[in-house]
């Protein structure tokens, strides 16, 4: 019968796995932005699809715009980071 001590030695000769960037990217801290609706359309989305929850997860940033996912999981949208007609960043 093998003991715990003899089993631990069987792992000594295993090859090292190469560095995997994709795995390490998954462990980056998630960024959140809180938004407030400005337009009638945004107020409707805020109530019906975002469940009145201000926090959104940042999915992507590009050319002064940010793509957000509501924490309700029901609504995704692009907004301008500085001057958006539908949303404003509150924190």
C-alpha atoms as a PDB file:
ATOM      1  CA  UNK A   1       0.000   0.000   0.000  1.00  0.00           C
ATOM      2  CA  UNK A   2       1.277   3.493  -0.906  1.00  0.00           C
ATOM      3  CA  UNK A   3       1.624   6.042   1.840  1.00  0.00           C
ATOM      4  CA  UNK A   4       1.040   9.756   1.568  1.00  0.00           C
ATOM      5  CA  UNK A   5       4.816  10.254   1.654  1.00  0.00           C
ATOM      6  CA  UNK A   6       5.414   7.994  -1.345  1.00  0.00           C
ATOM      7  CA  UNK A   7       2.571   9.645  -3.327  1.00  0.00           C
ATOM      8  CA  UNK A   8       4.047  13.093  -2.862  1.00  0.00           C
ATOM      9  CA  UNK A   9       7.288  11.963  -4.529  1.00  0.00           C
ATOM     10  CA  UNK A  10       5.418  10.895  -7.673  1.00  0.00           C
ATOM     11  CA  UNK A  11       4.678  14.554  -8.453  1.00  0.00           C
ATOM     12  CA  UNK A  12       8.323  15.596  -8.405  1.00  0.00           C
ATOM     13  CA  UNK A  13       8.998  14.634 -12.037  1.00  0.00           C
ATOM     14  CA  UNK A  14       5.948  16.308 -13.576  1.00  0.00           C
ATOM     15  CA  UNK A  15       6.852  18.873 -16.277  1.00  0.00           C
ATOM     16  CA  UNK A  16       6.203  22.541 -15.535  1.00  0.00           C
ATOM     17  CA  UNK A  17       3.301  24.062 -17.442  1.00  0.00           C
ATOM     18  CA  UNK A  18       4.124  27.102 -19.592  1.00  0.00           C
ATOM     19  CA  UNK A  19       2.929  30.545 -18.515  1.00  0.00           C
ATOM     20  CA  UNK A  20      -0.620  31.078 -19.743  1.00  0.00           C
ATOM     21  CA  UNK A  21      -1.598  34.774 -20.121  1.00  0.00           C
ATOM     22  CA  UNK A  22      -5.260  33.923 -20.711  1.00  0.00           C
ATOM     23  CA  UNK A  23      -5.544  32.321 -17.286  1.00  0.00           C
ATOM     24  CA  UNK A  24      -3.900  35.258 -15.503  1.00  0.00           C
ATOM     25  CA  UNK A  25      -6.166  37.813 -17.249  1.00  0.00           C
ATOM     26  CA  UNK A  26      -9.198  36.142 -15.703  1.00  0.00           C
ATOM     27  CA  UNK A  27      -7.898  37.046 -12.256  1.00  0.00           C
ATOM     28  CA  UNK A  28      -7.763  40.791 -12.852  1.00  0.00           C
ATOM     29  CA  UNK A  29      -9.961  42.954 -10.641  1.00  0.00           C
ATOM     30  CA  UNK A  30     -13.337  43.765 -12.218  1.00  0.00           C
ATOM     31  CA  UNK A  31     -14.048  47.477 -12.697  1.00  0.00           C
ATOM     32  CA  UNK A  32     -17.477  48.892 -11.892  1.00  0.00           C
ATOM     33  CA  UNK A  33     -19.055  52.243 -12.753  1.00  0.00           C
ATOM     34  CA  UNK A  34     -22.250  53.656 -11.250  1.00  0.00           C
ATOM     35  CA  UNK A  35     -24.559  55.381 -13.701  1.00  0.00           C
ATOM     36  CA  UNK A  36     -27.642  57.583 -13.467  1.00  0.00           C
ATOM     37  CA  UNK A  37     -30.209  57.726 -16.295  1.00  0.00           C
ATOM     38  CA  UNK A  38     -30.738  61.110 -18.001  1.00  0.00           C
ATOM     39  CA  UNK A  39     -33.082  60.467 -20.944  1.00  0.00           C
ATOM     40  CA  UNK A  40     -36.563  58.926 -20.938  1.00  0.00           C
ATOM     41  CA  UNK A  41     -35.183  55.885 -22.767  1.00  0.00           C
ATOM     42  CA  UNK A  42     -32.458  55.431 -20.128  1.00  0.00           C
ATOM     43  CA  UNK A  43     -34.985  55.812 -17.285  1.00  0.00           C
ATOM     44  CA  UNK A  44     -37.060  53.052 -18.889  1.00  0.00           C
ATOM     45  CA  UNK A  45     -34.043  50.722 -19.234  1.00  0.00           C
ATOM     46  CA  UNK A  46     -32.931  51.566 -15.684  1.00  0.00           C
ATOM     47  CA  UNK A  47     -36.319  50.522 -14.290  1.00  0.00           C
ATOM     48  CA  UNK A  48     -37.220  47.562 -16.483  1.00  0.00           C
ATOM     49  CA  UNK A  49     -33.897  45.926 -17.322  1.00  0.00           C
ATOM     50  CA  UNK A  50     -31.453  47.160 -14.706  1.00  0.00           C
ATOM     51  CA  UNK A  51     -33.800  46.687 -11.707  1.00  0.00           C
ATOM     52  CA  UNK A  52     -32.919  50.215 -10.470  1.00  0.00           C
ATOM     53  CA  UNK A  53     -29.324  49.099  -9.800  1.00  0.00           C
ATOM     54  CA  UNK A  54     -26.768  51.803 -10.604  1.00  0.00           C
ATOM     55  CA  UNK A  55     -23.647  49.599 -10.733  1.00  0.00           C
ATOM     56  CA  UNK A  56     -22.425  48.340 -14.088  1.00  0.00           C
ATOM     57  CA  UNK A  57     -19.449  46.140 -14.922  1.00  0.00           C
ATOM     58  CA  UNK A  58     -16.972  47.624 -17.413  1.00  0.00           C
ATOM     59  CA  UNK A  59     -16.609  45.164 -20.286  1.00  0.00           C
ATOM     60  CA  UNK A  60     -14.576  47.290 -22.733  1.00  0.00           C
ATOM     61  CA  UNK A  61     -13.134  50.787 -23.259  1.00  0.00           C
ATOM     62  CA  UNK A  62     -12.587  52.236 -26.721  1.00  0.00           C
ATOM     63  CA  UNK A  63     -12.183  55.743 -28.164  1.00  0.00           C
ATOM     64  CA  UNK A  64     -13.602  57.591 -25.138  1.00  0.00           C
ATOM     65  CA  UNK A  65     -16.534  55.233 -24.851  1.00  0.00           C
ATOM     66  CA  UNK A  66     -17.186  52.442 -22.394  1.00  0.00           C
ATOM     67  CA  UNK A  67     -19.247  49.270 -22.875  1.00  0.00           C
ATOM     68  CA  UNK A  68     -21.147  48.400 -19.707  1.00  0.00           C
ATOM     69  CA  UNK A  69     -23.066  45.366 -18.469  1.00  0.00           C
ATOM     70  CA  UNK A  70     -25.715  45.945 -15.832  1.00  0.00           C
ATOM     71  CA  UNK A  71     -25.289  43.836 -12.720  1.00  0.00           C
ATOM     72  CA  UNK A  72     -28.819  42.543 -13.271  1.00  0.00           C
ATOM     73  CA  UNK A  73     -27.362  40.808 -16.339  1.00  0.00           C
ATOM     74  CA  UNK A  74     -30.258  41.983 -18.518  1.00  0.00           C
ATOM     75  CA  UNK A  75     -28.844  45.082 -20.212  1.00  0.00           C
ATOM     76  CA  UNK A  76     -25.587  45.988 -22.009  1.00  0.00           C
ATOM     77  CA  UNK A  77     -24.839  49.365 -23.541  1.00  0.00           C
ATOM     78  CA  UNK A  78     -22.184  51.769 -24.824  1.00  0.00           C
ATOM     79  CA  UNK A  79     -21.848  55.230 -23.323  1.00  0.00           C
ATOM     80  CA  UNK A  80     -19.528  58.194 -23.774  1.00  0.00           C
ATOM     81  CA  UNK A  81     -17.345  58.640 -20.706  1.00  0.00           C
ATOM     82  CA  UNK A  82     -17.541  62.435 -20.711  1.00  0.00           C
ATOM     83  CA  UNK A  83     -20.761  63.725 -22.307  1.00  0.00           C
ATOM     84  CA  UNK A  84     -23.449  61.107 -22.901  1.00  0.00           C
ATOM     85  CA  UNK A  85     -27.034  62.015 -23.825  1.00  0.00           C
ATOM     86  CA  UNK A  86     -28.585  59.083 -21.966  1.00  0.00           C
ATOM     87  CA  UNK A  87     -26.362  58.363 -18.939  1.00  0.00           C
ATOM     88  CA  UNK A  88     -24.082  60.114 -16.490  1.00  0.00           C
ATOM     89  CA  UNK A  89     -21.399  58.554 -14.318  1.00  0.00           C
ATOM     90  CA  UNK A  90     -22.141  59.209 -10.647  1.00  0.00           C
ATOM     91  CA  UNK A  91     -19.124  57.440  -9.017  1.00  0.00           C
END
